[in-house]
Amino acid sequence: MTPKTSKEIVRAFALLCVCAGGFGMVVVVPYLVLNNWIIVAAAGLSFIAGAVLVAGGLLSITHLINN
C-alpha cells in the first residue's frame, strides 16, 4: 500500500467520522428538551460522543492537509 493510498483511506474514514458524529448530534437534539432526566442525560452523553467524533475527524483531516 502506497502512502498516498493510505492517506486517502484515512481521509475517507475521517470524513465518515465527521458525518456520523454530526448526524448523531442532530438526531439527539429533540430528546434534549424532554422532561425525563434519564433521557436527557442519555441524549447529552450521545451529543458529547458525536462532538468527539466530529472533533477527531476534523483533527485527522487537518493533520493530513498540513503534512
C-alpha atoms as a PDB file:
ATOM      1  CA  MET A   1       0.000   0.000   0.000  1.00  0.00           C
ATOM      2  CA  THR A   2       1.458   3.321  -1.008  1.00  0.00           C
ATOM      3  CA  PRO A   3       1.484   6.350   1.314  1.00  0.00           C
ATOM      4  CA  LYS A   4      -0.933   8.166  -0.986  1.00  0.00           C
ATOM      5  CA  THR A   5      -3.419   5.291  -0.797  1.00  0.00           C
ATOM      6  CA  SER A   6      -3.233   5.125   2.978  1.00  0.00           C
ATOM      7  CA  LYS A   7      -3.756   8.902   3.195  1.00  0.00           C
ATOM      8  CA  GLU A   8      -6.878   8.587   1.067  1.00  0.00           C
ATOM      9  CA  ILE A   9      -8.211   5.768   3.251  1.00  0.00           C
ATOM     10  CA  VAL A  10      -7.571   7.769   6.417  1.00  0.00           C
ATOM     11  CA  ARG A  11      -9.219  10.814   4.844  1.00  0.00           C
ATOM     12  CA  ALA A  12     -12.284   8.734   3.932  1.00  0.00           C
ATOM     13  CA  PHE A  13     -12.591   7.374   7.476  1.00  0.00           C
ATOM     14  CA  ALA A  14     -12.098  10.853   8.930  1.00  0.00           C
ATOM     15  CA  LEU A  15     -14.890  12.197   6.741  1.00  0.00           C
ATOM     16  CA  LEU A  16     -17.060   9.254   7.790  1.00  0.00           C
ATOM     17  CA  CYS A  17     -16.399  10.121  11.458  1.00  0.00           C
ATOM     18  CA  VAL A  18     -17.380  13.749  10.888  1.00  0.00           C
ATOM     19  CA  CYS A  19     -20.590  12.751   9.111  1.00  0.00           C
ATOM     20  CA  ALA A  20     -21.536  10.105  11.677  1.00  0.00           C
ATOM     21  CA  GLY A  21     -20.848  12.445  14.591  1.00  0.00           C
ATOM     22  CA  GLY A  22     -22.794  15.281  13.021  1.00  0.00           C
ATOM     23  CA  PHE A  23     -25.722  13.007  12.236  1.00  0.00           C
ATOM     24  CA  GLY A  24     -25.701  11.646  15.773  1.00  0.00           C
ATOM     25  CA  MET A  25     -25.682  15.146  17.230  1.00  0.00           C
ATOM     26  CA  VAL A  26     -28.627  16.191  15.070  1.00  0.00           C
ATOM     27  CA  VAL A  27     -30.652  13.069  15.900  1.00  0.00           C
ATOM     28  CA  VAL A  28     -30.467  13.531  19.702  1.00  0.00           C
ATOM     29  CA  VAL A  29     -31.463  17.219  19.761  1.00  0.00           C
ATOM     30  CA  PRO A  30     -35.225  16.515  20.162  1.00  0.00           C
ATOM     31  CA  TYR A  31     -34.507  14.312  23.184  1.00  0.00           C
ATOM     32  CA  LEU A  32     -32.611  17.112  24.951  1.00  0.00           C
ATOM     33  CA  VAL A  33     -35.836  19.083  25.571  1.00  0.00           C
ATOM     34  CA  LEU A  34     -37.837  16.311  27.266  1.00  0.00           C
ATOM     35  CA  ASN A  35     -38.799  16.304  30.948  1.00  0.00           C
ATOM     36  CA  ASN A  36     -37.389  12.877  31.809  1.00  0.00           C
ATOM     37  CA  TRP A  37     -33.899  13.428  33.209  1.00  0.00           C
ATOM     38  CA  ILE A  38     -32.696   9.935  32.290  1.00  0.00           C
ATOM     39  CA  ILE A  39     -33.488  10.518  28.614  1.00  0.00           C
ATOM     40  CA  VAL A  40     -31.885  13.969  28.753  1.00  0.00           C
ATOM     41  CA  ALA A  41     -28.742  12.517  30.353  1.00  0.00           C
ATOM     42  CA  ALA A  42     -28.518   9.753  27.734  1.00  0.00           C
ATOM     43  CA  ALA A  43     -29.049  12.254  24.925  1.00  0.00           C
ATOM     44  CA  GLY A  44     -26.436  14.560  26.433  1.00  0.00           C
ATOM     45  CA  LEU A  45     -23.874  11.767  26.502  1.00  0.00           C
ATOM     46  CA  SER A  46     -24.730  10.866  22.919  1.00  0.00           C
ATOM     47  CA  PHE A  47     -24.344  14.508  21.921  1.00  0.00           C
ATOM     48  CA  ILE A  48     -20.910  14.605  23.555  1.00  0.00           C
ATOM     49  CA  ALA A  49     -19.920  11.388  21.773  1.00  0.00           C
ATOM     50  CA  GLY A  50     -20.954  12.939  18.457  1.00  0.00           C
ATOM     51  CA  ALA A  51     -18.903  16.030  19.235  1.00  0.00           C
ATOM     52  CA  VAL A  52     -15.867  13.858  19.970  1.00  0.00           C
ATOM     53  CA  LEU A  53     -16.309  12.060  16.638  1.00  0.00           C
ATOM     54  CA  VAL A  54     -16.580  15.368  14.769  1.00  0.00           C
ATOM     55  CA  ALA A  55     -13.538  16.810  16.525  1.00  0.00           C
ATOM     56  CA  GLY A  56     -11.473  13.677  15.899  1.00  0.00           C
ATOM     57  CA  GLY A  57     -12.384  13.614  12.225  1.00  0.00           C
ATOM     58  CA  LEU A  58     -11.608  17.294  11.775  1.00  0.00           C
ATOM     59  CA  LEU A  59      -8.260  16.926  13.541  1.00  0.00           C
ATOM     60  CA  SER A  60      -7.371  13.979  11.299  1.00  0.00           C
ATOM     61  CA  ILE A  61      -8.279  15.888   8.156  1.00  0.00           C
ATOM     62  CA  THR A  62      -6.313  18.923   9.335  1.00  0.00           C
ATOM     63  CA  HIS A  63      -3.288  16.778  10.095  1.00  0.00           C
ATOM     64  CA  LEU A  64      -3.463  15.194   6.639  1.00  0.00           C
ATOM     65  CA  ILE A  65      -3.730  18.588   4.953  1.00  0.00           C
ATOM     66  CA  ASN A  66      -0.745  20.032   6.822  1.00  0.00           C
ATOM     67  CA  ASN A  67       1.537  17.067   6.016  1.00  0.00           C
END
